[in-house]
Every structure is written in C-alpha cells, then in structure tokens.
C-alpha cells in the first residue's frame, strides 16, 4: 500500500474509533498499527503472547517494533518518524549510540 492510501486508511480508522466504534485490524505492519491503535495484541501459534498499548509493546522490542523504534533503540517510546524527529529535536545529550 502506498503512503497516500495508508494515510487515508489511518484517517478512516481514527474516525471510526472517534465515533466510538470498535475496529479490529489484523496486520504485520507495525507502523500502521502504531498510527492509530489504542491497543495491540500479538498472536503466536494462535495464542495471545502480548497485549498492551502500542508505545509499550512496539517501542522496546526488536522483532515486533516499528523501524523508528528500532533505529532509536526504543528511546522515548518513539514509534513513528514524526515521534523520532521530535525526540531528536528535543534538548538531549546524544552520546555514542544512545540518547540521554
């Protein structure tokens, strides 16, 4: 899915959620889930292996995480590029390989 279609889908999903409707989406796309989800459930062999808010679940792992979280090592709970950019612009000390 290209960026414009993805943005349109995220807008639709957010709108449905804002109307109080429950939305269930099955995806392998961590960035898509991080864009709108209030909760993320990971399944393994048909069983729940994790259930938490996106920032808790998708910001600290290696396999089940967004590219931004992977690049920043989970710093600041940044999940999406805009989160990472804001974190990097924030007054912080950047030391070799880590943000402090």
PDB file of N, CA and C in Angstrom:
ATOM      1  N   UNK A   1       0.843  -1.154   0.000  1.00  0.00           N
ATOM      2  CA  UNK A   1       0.000   0.000   0.000  1.00  0.00           C
ATOM      3  C   UNK A   1       0.901   1.233   0.000  1.00  0.00           C
ATOM      4  N   UNK A   2       0.602   2.200  -0.872  1.00  0.00           N
ATOM      5  CA  UNK A   2       1.423   3.402  -0.911  1.00  0.00           C
ATOM      6  C   UNK A   2       1.071   4.326   0.257  1.00  0.00           C
ATOM      7  N   UNK A   3       1.892   5.336   0.443  1.00  0.00           N
ATOM      8  CA  UNK A   3       1.744   6.244   1.595  1.00  0.00           C
ATOM      9  C   UNK A   3       0.394   6.941   1.620  1.00  0.00           C
ATOM     10  N   UNK A   4      -0.106   7.375   0.471  1.00  0.00           N
ATOM     11  CA  UNK A   4      -1.368   8.111   0.430  1.00  0.00           C
ATOM     12  C   UNK A   4      -2.550   7.215   0.790  1.00  0.00           C
ATOM     13  N   UNK A   5      -2.542   5.994   0.283  1.00  0.00           N
ATOM     14  CA  UNK A   5      -3.613   5.050   0.624  1.00  0.00           C
ATOM     15  C   UNK A   5      -3.538   4.690   2.109  1.00  0.00           C
ATOM     16  N   UNK A   6      -2.330   4.522   2.604  1.00  0.00           N
ATOM     17  CA  UNK A   6      -2.151   4.207   4.028  1.00  0.00           C
ATOM     18  C   UNK A   6      -2.662   5.347   4.907  1.00  0.00           C
ATOM     19  N   UNK A   7      -2.312   6.595   4.551  1.00  0.00           N
ATOM     20  CA  UNK A   7      -2.777   7.757   5.315  1.00  0.00           C
ATOM     21  C   UNK A   7      -4.299   7.852   5.297  1.00  0.00           C
ATOM     22  N   UNK A   8      -4.907   7.552   4.143  1.00  0.00           N
ATOM     23  CA  UNK A   8      -6.372   7.575   4.040  1.00  0.00           C
ATOM     24  C   UNK A   8      -6.992   6.485   4.912  1.00  0.00           C
ATOM     25  N   UNK A   9      -6.380   5.309   4.928  1.00  0.00           N
ATOM     26  CA  UNK A   9      -6.879   4.217   5.765  1.00  0.00           C
ATOM     27  C   UNK A   9      -6.756   4.577   7.242  1.00  0.00           C
ATOM     28  N   UNK A  10      -5.632   5.137   7.647  1.00  0.00           N
ATOM     29  CA  UNK A  10      -5.440   5.545   9.047  1.00  0.00           C
ATOM     30  C   UNK A  10      -6.481   6.599   9.432  1.00  0.00           C
ATOM     31  N   UNK A  11      -6.728   7.565   8.561  1.00  0.00           N
ATOM     32  CA  UNK A  11      -7.739   8.591   8.842  1.00  0.00           C
ATOM     33  C   UNK A  11      -9.115   7.965   9.028  1.00  0.00           C
ATOM     34  N   UNK A  12      -9.458   7.014   8.185  1.00  0.00           N
ATOM     35  CA  UNK A  12     -10.751   6.330   8.291  1.00  0.00           C
ATOM     36  C   UNK A  12     -10.835   5.554   9.608  1.00  0.00           C
ATOM     37  N   UNK A  13      -9.797   4.821   9.948  1.00  0.00           N
ATOM     38  CA  UNK A  13      -9.794   4.033  11.178  1.00  0.00           C
ATOM     39  C   UNK A  13      -9.878   4.926  12.416  1.00  0.00           C
ATOM     40  N   UNK A  14      -9.167   6.054  12.402  1.00  0.00           N
ATOM     41  CA  UNK A  14      -9.249   7.002  13.521  1.00  0.00           C
ATOM     42  C   UNK A  14     -10.655   7.586  13.627  1.00  0.00           C
ATOM     43  N   UNK A  15     -11.252   7.906  12.503  1.00  0.00           N
ATOM     44  CA  UNK A  15     -12.605   8.457  12.503  1.00  0.00           C
ATOM     45  C   UNK A  15     -13.601   7.455  13.083  1.00  0.00           C
ATOM     46  N   UNK A  16     -13.489   6.207  12.684  1.00  0.00           N
ATOM     47  CA  UNK A  16     -14.384   5.180  13.216  1.00  0.00           C
ATOM     48  C   UNK A  16     -14.199   5.028  14.725  1.00  0.00           C
ATOM     49  N   UNK A  17     -12.961   5.042  15.178  1.00  0.00           N
ATOM     50  CA  UNK A  17     -12.682   4.958  16.609  1.00  0.00           C
ATOM     51  C   UNK A  17     -13.228   6.159  17.363  1.00  0.00           C
ATOM     52  N   UNK A  18     -13.115   7.351  16.764  1.00  0.00           N
ATOM     53  CA  UNK A  18     -13.623   8.567  17.399  1.00  0.00           C
ATOM     54  C   UNK A  18     -15.143   8.538  17.525  1.00  0.00           C
ATOM     55  N   UNK A  19     -15.799   7.782  16.667  1.00  0.00           N
ATOM     56  CA  UNK A  19     -17.262   7.640  16.734  1.00  0.00           C
ATOM     57  C   UNK A  19     -17.682   6.590  17.757  1.00  0.00           C
ATOM     58  N   UNK A  20     -16.696   6.012  18.440  1.00  0.00           N
ATOM     59  CA  UNK A  20     -16.988   5.027  19.475  1.00  0.00           C
ATOM     60  C   UNK A  20     -17.144   3.612  18.957  1.00  0.00           C
ATOM     61  N   UNK A  21     -16.751   3.385  17.703  1.00  0.00           N
ATOM     62  CA  UNK A  21     -16.853   2.048  17.124  1.00  0.00           C
ATOM     63  C   UNK A  21     -15.577   1.256  17.391  1.00  0.00           C
ATOM     64  N   UNK A  22     -15.727  -0.003  17.665  1.00  0.00           N
ATOM     65  CA  UNK A  22     -14.570  -0.877  17.831  1.00  0.00           C
ATOM     66  C   UNK A  22     -14.057  -1.271  16.449  1.00  0.00           C
ATOM     67  N   UNK A  23     -12.764  -1.180  16.258  1.00  0.00           N
ATOM     68  CA  UNK A  23     -12.140  -1.529  14.987  1.00  0.00           C
ATOM     69  C   UNK A  23     -11.088  -2.590  15.268  1.00  0.00           C
ATOM     70  N   UNK A  24     -11.185  -3.712  14.584  1.00  0.00           N
ATOM     71  CA  UNK A  24     -10.198  -4.776  14.723  1.00  0.00           C
ATOM     72  C   UNK A  24      -9.475  -4.908  13.384  1.00  0.00           C
ATOM     73  N   UNK A  25      -8.156  -4.794  13.425  1.00  0.00           N
ATOM     74  CA  UNK A  25      -7.344  -4.878  12.215  1.00  0.00           C
ATOM     75  C   UNK A  25      -6.276  -5.936  12.438  1.00  0.00           C
ATOM     76  N   UNK A  26      -6.150  -6.844  11.501  1.00  0.00           N
ATOM     77  CA  UNK A  26      -5.075  -7.842  11.549  1.00  0.00           C
ATOM     78  C   UNK A  26      -4.015  -7.410  10.540  1.00  0.00           C
ATOM     79  N   UNK A  27      -2.790  -7.191  11.020  1.00  0.00           N
ATOM     80  CA  UNK A  27      -1.718  -6.727  10.144  1.00  0.00           C
ATOM     81  C   UNK A  27      -0.360  -7.149  10.692  1.00  0.00           C
ATOM     82  N   UNK A  28       0.614  -7.203   9.799  1.00  0.00           N
ATOM     83  CA  UNK A  28       2.004  -7.406  10.195  1.00  0.00           C
ATOM     84  C   UNK A  28       2.745  -6.073  10.155  1.00  0.00           C
ATOM     85  N   UNK A  29       2.049  -4.998   9.819  1.00  0.00           N
ATOM     86  CA  UNK A  29       2.637  -3.680   9.645  1.00  0.00           C
ATOM     87  C   UNK A  29       2.625  -2.913  10.968  1.00  0.00           C
ATOM     88  N   UNK A  30       3.766  -2.913  11.667  1.00  0.00           N
ATOM     89  CA  UNK A  30       3.852  -2.260  12.978  1.00  0.00           C
ATOM     90  C   UNK A  30       3.602  -0.757  12.889  1.00  0.00           C
ATOM     91  N   UNK A  31       4.070  -0.113  11.811  1.00  0.00           N
ATOM     92  CA  UNK A  31       3.857   1.320  11.653  1.00  0.00           C
ATOM     93  C   UNK A  31       2.368   1.637  11.485  1.00  0.00           C
ATOM     94  N   UNK A  32       1.658   0.807  10.736  1.00  0.00           N
ATOM     95  CA  UNK A  32       0.215   1.010  10.566  1.00  0.00           C
ATOM     96  C   UNK A  32      -0.475   0.901  11.915  1.00  0.00           C
ATOM     97  N   UNK A  33      -0.160  -0.135  12.674  1.00  0.00           N
ATOM     98  CA  UNK A  33      -0.776  -0.309  13.994  1.00  0.00           C
ATOM     99  C   UNK A  33      -0.437   0.863  14.910  1.00  0.00           C
ATOM    100  N   UNK A  34       0.815   1.313  14.888  1.00  0.00           N
ATOM    101  CA  UNK A  34       1.238   2.421  15.742  1.00  0.00           C
ATOM    102  C   UNK A  34       0.554   3.726  15.367  1.00  0.00           C
ATOM    103  N   UNK A  35       0.095   3.846  14.126  1.00  0.00           N
ATOM    104  CA  UNK A  35      -0.528   5.070  13.642  1.00  0.00           C
ATOM    105  C   UNK A  35      -1.898   5.333  14.237  1.00  0.00           C
ATOM    106  N   UNK A  36      -2.599   4.289  14.657  1.00  0.00           N
ATOM    107  CA  UNK A  36      -3.971   4.506  15.118  1.00  0.00           C
ATOM    108  C   UNK A  36      -4.403   3.654  16.302  1.00  0.00           C
ATOM    109  N   UNK A  37      -3.710   2.568  16.574  1.00  0.00           N
ATOM    110  CA  UNK A  37      -4.185   1.609  17.575  1.00  0.00           C
ATOM    111  C   UNK A  37      -4.096   2.166  18.994  1.00  0.00           C
ATOM    112  N   UNK A  38      -5.102   1.846  19.784  1.00  0.00           N
ATOM    113  CA  UNK A  38      -5.076   2.151  21.213  1.00  0.00           C
ATOM    114  C   UNK A  38      -4.521   0.953  21.988  1.00  0.00           C
ATOM    115  N   UNK A  39      -4.569  -0.197  21.343  1.00  0.00           N
ATOM    116  CA  UNK A  39      -4.124  -1.445  21.967  1.00  0.00           C
ATOM    117  C   UNK A  39      -3.625  -2.369  20.867  1.00  0.00           C
ATOM    118  N   UNK A  40      -2.578  -3.127  21.161  1.00  0.00           N
ATOM    119  CA  UNK A  40      -2.012  -4.071  20.206  1.00  0.00           C
ATOM    120  C   UNK A  40      -1.972  -5.442  20.870  1.00  0.00           C
ATOM    121  N   UNK A  41      -2.442  -6.443  20.144  1.00  0.00           N
ATOM    122  CA  UNK A  41      -2.418  -7.821  20.623  1.00  0.00           C
ATOM    123  C   UNK A  41      -1.568  -8.625  19.650  1.00  0.00           C
ATOM    124  N   UNK A  42      -0.528  -9.275  20.167  1.00  0.00           N
ATOM    125  CA  UNK A  42       0.318 -10.120  19.333  1.00  0.00           C
ATOM    126  C   UNK A  42      -0.088 -11.569  19.529  1.00  0.00           C
ATOM    127  N   UNK A  43      -0.178 -12.282  18.412  1.00  0.00           N
ATOM    128  CA  UNK A  43      -0.533 -13.697  18.451  1.00  0.00           C
ATOM    129  C   UNK A  43       0.645 -14.536  17.996  1.00  0.00           C
ATOM    130  N   UNK A  44       0.789 -15.698  18.586  1.00  0.00           N
ATOM    131  CA  UNK A  44       1.803 -16.661  18.181  1.00  0.00           C
ATOM    132  C   UNK A  44       1.198 -18.045  18.260  1.00  0.00           C
ATOM    133  N   UNK A  45       1.190 -18.761  17.153  1.00  0.00           N
ATOM    134  CA  UNK A  45       0.575 -20.092  17.096  1.00  0.00           C
ATOM    135  C   UNK A  45      -0.870 -20.069  17.586  1.00  0.00           C
ATOM    136  N   UNK A  46      -1.581 -18.976  17.262  1.00  0.00           N
ATOM    137  CA  UNK A  46      -2.995 -18.869  17.604  1.00  0.00           C
ATOM    138  C   UNK A  46      -3.290 -18.463  19.035  1.00  0.00           C
ATOM    139  N   UNK A  47      -2.263 -18.166  19.812  1.00  0.00           N
ATOM    140  CA  UNK A  47      -2.454 -17.770  21.210  1.00  0.00           C
ATOM    141  C   UNK A  47      -1.929 -16.351  21.430  1.00  0.00           C
ATOM    142  N   UNK A  48      -2.546 -15.630  22.350  1.00  0.00           N
ATOM    143  CA  UNK A  48      -2.093 -14.284  22.688  1.00  0.00           C
ATOM    144  C   UNK A  48      -0.751 -14.384  23.412  1.00  0.00           C
ATOM    145  N   UNK A  49       0.250 -13.672  22.884  1.00  0.00           N
ATOM    146  CA  UNK A  49       1.558 -13.670  23.539  1.00  0.00           C
ATOM    147  C   UNK A  49       1.879 -12.299  24.144  1.00  0.00           C
ATOM    148  N   UNK A  50       1.137 -11.270  23.733  1.00  0.00           N
ATOM    149  CA  UNK A  50       1.317  -9.937  24.310  1.00  0.00           C
ATOM    150  C   UNK A  50       0.075  -9.107  24.028  1.00  0.00           C
ATOM    151  N   UNK A  51      -0.252  -8.229  24.970  1.00  0.00           N
ATOM    152  CA  UNK A  51      -1.435  -7.375  24.857  1.00  0.00           C
ATOM    153  C   UNK A  51      -1.154  -6.105  25.643  1.00  0.00           C
ATOM    154  N   UNK A  52      -0.965  -4.978  24.937  1.00  0.00           N
ATOM    155  CA  UNK A  52      -0.597  -3.736  25.610  1.00  0.00           C
ATOM    156  C   UNK A  52      -0.819  -2.547  24.669  1.00  0.00           C
ATOM    157  N   UNK A  53      -0.718  -1.325  25.199  1.00  0.00           N
ATOM    158  CA  UNK A  53      -0.755  -0.138  24.340  1.00  0.00           C
ATOM    159  C   UNK A  53       0.431  -0.158  23.373  1.00  0.00           C
ATOM    160  N   UNK A  54       0.291   0.447  22.202  1.00  0.00           N
ATOM    161  CA  UNK A  54       1.362   0.418  21.201  1.00  0.00           C
ATOM    162  C   UNK A  54       2.712   0.913  21.716  1.00  0.00           C
ATOM    163  N   UNK A  55       2.745   2.001  22.468  1.00  0.00           N
ATOM    164  CA  UNK A  55       4.030   2.536  22.944  1.00  0.00           C
ATOM    165  C   UNK A  55       4.739   1.557  23.870  1.00  0.00           C
ATOM    166  N   UNK A  56       3.977   0.782  24.592  1.00  0.00           N
ATOM    167  CA  UNK A  56       4.578  -0.202  25.491  1.00  0.00           C
ATOM    168  C   UNK A  56       5.077  -1.423  24.733  1.00  0.00           C
ATOM    169  N   UNK A  57       4.318  -1.840  23.740  1.00  0.00           N
ATOM    170  CA  UNK A  57       4.609  -3.092  23.053  1.00  0.00           C
ATOM    171  C   UNK A  57       5.511  -2.928  21.832  1.00  0.00           C
ATOM    172  N   UNK A  58       5.348  -1.841  21.096  1.00  0.00           N
ATOM    173  CA  UNK A  58       6.052  -1.686  19.818  1.00  0.00           C
ATOM    174  C   UNK A  58       7.272  -0.784  19.888  1.00  0.00           C
ATOM    175  N   UNK A  59       7.631  -0.287  21.067  1.00  0.00           N
ATOM    176  CA  UNK A  59       8.760   0.630  21.153  1.00  0.00           C
ATOM    177  C   UNK A  59      10.010   0.003  21.733  1.00  0.00           C
ATOM    178  N   UNK A  60       9.915  -1.168  22.306  1.00  0.00           N
ATOM    179  CA  UNK A  60      11.082  -1.668  23.021  1.00  0.00           C
ATOM    180  C   UNK A  60      11.636  -2.993  22.509  1.00  0.00           C
ATOM    181  N   UNK A  61      10.940  -3.648  21.644  1.00  0.00           N
ATOM    182  CA  UNK A  61      11.414  -4.934  21.165  1.00  0.00           C
ATOM    183  C   UNK A  61      12.321  -4.800  19.963  1.00  0.00           C
ATOM    184  N   UNK A  62      12.647  -5.899  19.370  1.00  0.00           N
ATOM    185  CA  UNK A  62      13.430  -5.881  18.142  1.00  0.00           C
ATOM    186  C   UNK A  62      12.594  -6.436  16.991  1.00  0.00           C
ATOM    187  N   UNK A  63      11.932  -7.536  17.211  1.00  0.00           N
ATOM    188  CA  UNK A  63      11.165  -8.146  16.136  1.00  0.00           C
ATOM    189  C   UNK A  63       9.803  -7.470  15.960  1.00  0.00           C
ATOM    190  N   UNK A  64       9.085  -7.249  17.033  1.00  0.00           N
ATOM    191  CA  UNK A  64       7.771  -6.604  16.974  1.00  0.00           C
ATOM    192  C   UNK A  64       7.914  -5.146  17.355  1.00  0.00           C
ATOM    193  N   UNK A  65       8.399  -4.346  16.420  1.00  0.00           N
ATOM    194  CA  UNK A  65       8.600  -2.924  16.680  1.00  0.00           C
ATOM    195  C   UNK A  65       8.548  -2.167  15.362  1.00  0.00           C
ATOM    196  N   UNK A  66       8.461  -0.849  15.450  1.00  0.00           N
ATOM    197  CA  UNK A  66       8.488  -0.030  14.241  1.00  0.00           C
ATOM    198  C   UNK A  66       9.938   0.245  13.858  1.00  0.00           C
ATOM    199  N   UNK A  67      10.158   0.666  12.632  1.00  0.00           N
ATOM    200  CA  UNK A  67      11.517   0.990  12.187  1.00  0.00           C
ATOM    201  C   UNK A  67      12.093   2.136  13.007  1.00  0.00           C
ATOM    202  N   UNK A  68      11.279   3.140  13.314  1.00  0.00           N
ATOM    203  CA  UNK A  68      11.751   4.272  14.111  1.00  0.00           C
ATOM    204  C   UNK A  68      12.223   3.797  15.478  1.00  0.00           C
ATOM    205  N   UNK A  69      11.429   2.963  16.140  1.00  0.00           N
ATOM    206  CA  UNK A  69      11.814   2.448  17.457  1.00  0.00           C
ATOM    207  C   UNK A  69      13.081   1.612  17.355  1.00  0.00           C
ATOM    208  N   UNK A  70      13.210   0.861  16.280  1.00  0.00           N
ATOM    209  CA  UNK A  70      14.401   0.023  16.090  1.00  0.00           C
ATOM    210  C   UNK A  70      15.646   0.903  15.928  1.00  0.00           C
ATOM    211  N   UNK A  71      15.538   1.953  15.117  1.00  0.00           N
ATOM    212  CA  UNK A  71      16.678   2.847  14.876  1.00  0.00           C
ATOM    213  C   UNK A  71      17.087   3.576  16.149  1.00  0.00           C
ATOM    214  N   UNK A  72      16.082   4.037  16.927  1.00  0.00           N
ATOM    215  CA  UNK A  72      16.365   4.804  18.133  1.00  0.00           C
ATOM    216  C   UNK A  72      16.521   3.935  19.377  1.00  0.00           C
ATOM    217  N   UNK A  73      16.453   2.626  19.199  1.00  0.00           N
ATOM    218  CA  UNK A  73      16.626   1.728  20.331  1.00  0.00           C
ATOM    219  C   UNK A  73      15.540   1.859  21.378  1.00  0.00           C
ATOM    220  N   UNK A  74      14.339   2.287  20.961  1.00  0.00           N
ATOM    221  CA  UNK A  74      13.218   2.431  21.886  1.00  0.00           C
ATOM    222  C   UNK A  74      13.247   3.723  22.684  1.00  0.00           C
ATOM    223  N   UNK A  75      14.194   4.606  22.393  1.00  0.00           N
ATOM    224  CA  UNK A  75      14.327   5.855  23.151  1.00  0.00           C
ATOM    225  C   UNK A  75      13.047   6.670  23.105  1.00  0.00           C
ATOM    226  N   UNK A  76      12.596   7.104  24.256  1.00  0.00           N
ATOM    227  CA  UNK A  76      11.435   7.981  24.346  1.00  0.00           C
ATOM    228  C   UNK A  76      10.127   7.363  23.908  1.00  0.00           C
ATOM    229  N   UNK A  77      10.098   6.073  23.660  1.00  0.00           N
ATOM    230  CA  UNK A  77       8.869   5.436  23.200  1.00  0.00           C
ATOM    231  C   UNK A  77       8.476   5.868  21.797  1.00  0.00           C
ATOM    232  N   UNK A  78       9.427   6.410  21.023  1.00  0.00           N
ATOM    233  CA  UNK A  78       9.151   6.894  19.674  1.00  0.00           C
ATOM    234  C   UNK A  78       8.790   5.732  18.760  1.00  0.00           C
ATOM    235  N   UNK A  79       7.615   5.814  18.120  1.00  0.00           N
ATOM    236  CA  UNK A  79       7.154   4.746  17.236  1.00  0.00           C
ATOM    237  C   UNK A  79       7.183   5.117  15.767  1.00  0.00           C
ATOM    238  N   UNK A  80       6.883   6.361  15.456  1.00  0.00           N
ATOM    239  CA  UNK A  80       6.748   6.795  14.069  1.00  0.00           C
ATOM    240  C   UNK A  80       7.796   7.858  13.753  1.00  0.00           C
ATOM    241  N   UNK A  81       8.083   8.106  12.468  1.00  0.00           N
ATOM    242  CA  UNK A  81       9.105   9.085  12.103  1.00  0.00           C
ATOM    243  C   UNK A  81       8.912  10.451  12.756  1.00  0.00           C
ATOM    244  N   UNK A  82       7.687  10.940  12.848  1.00  0.00           N
ATOM    245  CA  UNK A  82       7.452  12.242  13.477  1.00  0.00           C
ATOM    246  C   UNK A  82       7.838  12.204  14.958  1.00  0.00           C
ATOM    247  N   UNK A  83       7.569  11.078  15.625  1.00  0.00           N
ATOM    248  CA  UNK A  83       7.966  10.922  17.034  1.00  0.00           C
ATOM    249  C   UNK A  83       9.490  10.979  17.164  1.00  0.00           C
ATOM    250  N   UNK A  84      10.170  10.279  16.272  1.00  0.00           N
ATOM    251  CA  UNK A  84      11.626  10.249  16.305  1.00  0.00           C
ATOM    252  C   UNK A  84      12.220  11.617  16.025  1.00  0.00           C
ATOM    253  N   UNK A  85      11.652  12.336  15.062  1.00  0.00           N
ATOM    254  CA  UNK A  85      12.147  13.674  14.738  1.00  0.00           C
ATOM    255  C   UNK A  85      11.965  14.613  15.917  1.00  0.00           C
ATOM    256  N   UNK A  86      10.800  14.536  16.576  1.00  0.00           N
ATOM    257  CA  UNK A  86      10.555  15.383  17.750  1.00  0.00           C
ATOM    258  C   UNK A  86      11.531  15.051  18.866  1.00  0.00           C
ATOM    259  N   UNK A  87      11.815  13.782  19.046  1.00  0.00           N
ATOM    260  CA  UNK A  87      12.753  13.355  20.082  1.00  0.00           C
ATOM    261  C   UNK A  87      14.154  13.867  19.787  1.00  0.00           C
ATOM    262  N   UNK A  88      14.559  13.804  18.538  1.00  0.00           N
ATOM    263  CA  UNK A  88      15.898  14.259  18.164  1.00  0.00           C
ATOM    264  C   UNK A  88      16.033  15.776  18.236  1.00  0.00           C
ATOM    265  N   UNK A  89      14.911  16.503  18.052  1.00  0.00           N
ATOM    266  CA  UNK A  89      14.945  17.964  18.161  1.00  0.00           C
ATOM    267  C   UNK A  89      14.897  18.421  19.612  1.00  0.00           C
ATOM    268  N   UNK A  90      14.409  17.574  20.513  1.00  0.00           N
ATOM    269  CA  UNK A  90      14.288  17.928  21.924  1.00  0.00           C
ATOM    270  C   UNK A  90      15.679  18.108  22.524  1.00  0.00           C
ATOM    271  N   UNK A  91      15.781  19.005  23.525  1.00  0.00           N
ATOM    272  CA  UNK A  91      17.089  19.164  24.173  1.00  0.00           C
ATOM    273  C   UNK A  91      17.508  17.839  24.816  1.00  0.00           C
ATOM    274  N   UNK A  92      18.536  17.247  24.298  1.00  0.00           N
ATOM    275  CA  UNK A  92      19.017  15.967  24.817  1.00  0.00           C
ATOM    276  C   UNK A  92      20.498  15.852  24.540  1.00  0.00           C
ATOM    277  N   UNK A  93      21.111  15.021  25.292  1.00  0.00           N
ATOM    278  CA  UNK A  93      22.507  14.710  25.059  1.00  0.00           C
ATOM    279  C   UNK A  93      22.573  13.475  24.189  1.00  0.00           C
ATOM    280  N   UNK A  94      23.241  13.565  23.082  1.00  0.00           N
ATOM    281  CA  UNK A  94      23.418  12.402  22.225  1.00  0.00           C
ATOM    282  C   UNK A  94      24.830  11.892  22.452  1.00  0.00           C
ATOM    283  N   UNK A  95      24.905  10.691  22.987  1.00  0.00           N
ATOM    284  CA  UNK A  95      26.211  10.079  23.199  1.00  0.00           C
ATOM    285  C   UNK A  95      26.329   8.921  22.228  1.00  0.00           C
ATOM    286  N   UNK A  96      27.465   8.363  22.105  1.00  0.00           N
ATOM    287  CA  UNK A  96      27.716   7.331  21.136  1.00  0.00           C
ATOM    288  C   UNK A  96      26.707   6.187  21.232  1.00  0.00           C
ATOM    289  N   UNK A  97      25.808   6.127  20.236  1.00  0.00           N
ATOM    290  CA  UNK A  97      24.851   5.026  20.140  1.00  0.00           C
ATOM    291  C   UNK A  97      23.611   5.145  21.027  1.00  0.00           C
ATOM    292  N   UNK A  98      23.507   6.174  21.869  1.00  0.00           N
ATOM    293  CA  UNK A  98      22.334   6.282  22.747  1.00  0.00           C
ATOM    294  C   UNK A  98      21.869   7.715  22.855  1.00  0.00           C
ATOM    295  N   UNK A  99      20.602   7.866  23.220  1.00  0.00           N
ATOM    296  CA  UNK A  99      20.051   9.177  23.533  1.00  0.00           C
ATOM    297  C   UNK A  99      19.890   9.258  25.036  1.00  0.00           C
ATOM    298  N   UNK A 100      20.292  10.359  25.625  1.00  0.00           N
ATOM    299  CA  UNK A 100      20.111  10.543  27.058  1.00  0.00           C
ATOM    300  C   UNK A 100      19.478  11.882  27.352  1.00  0.00           C
TER     301      UNK A 100
END
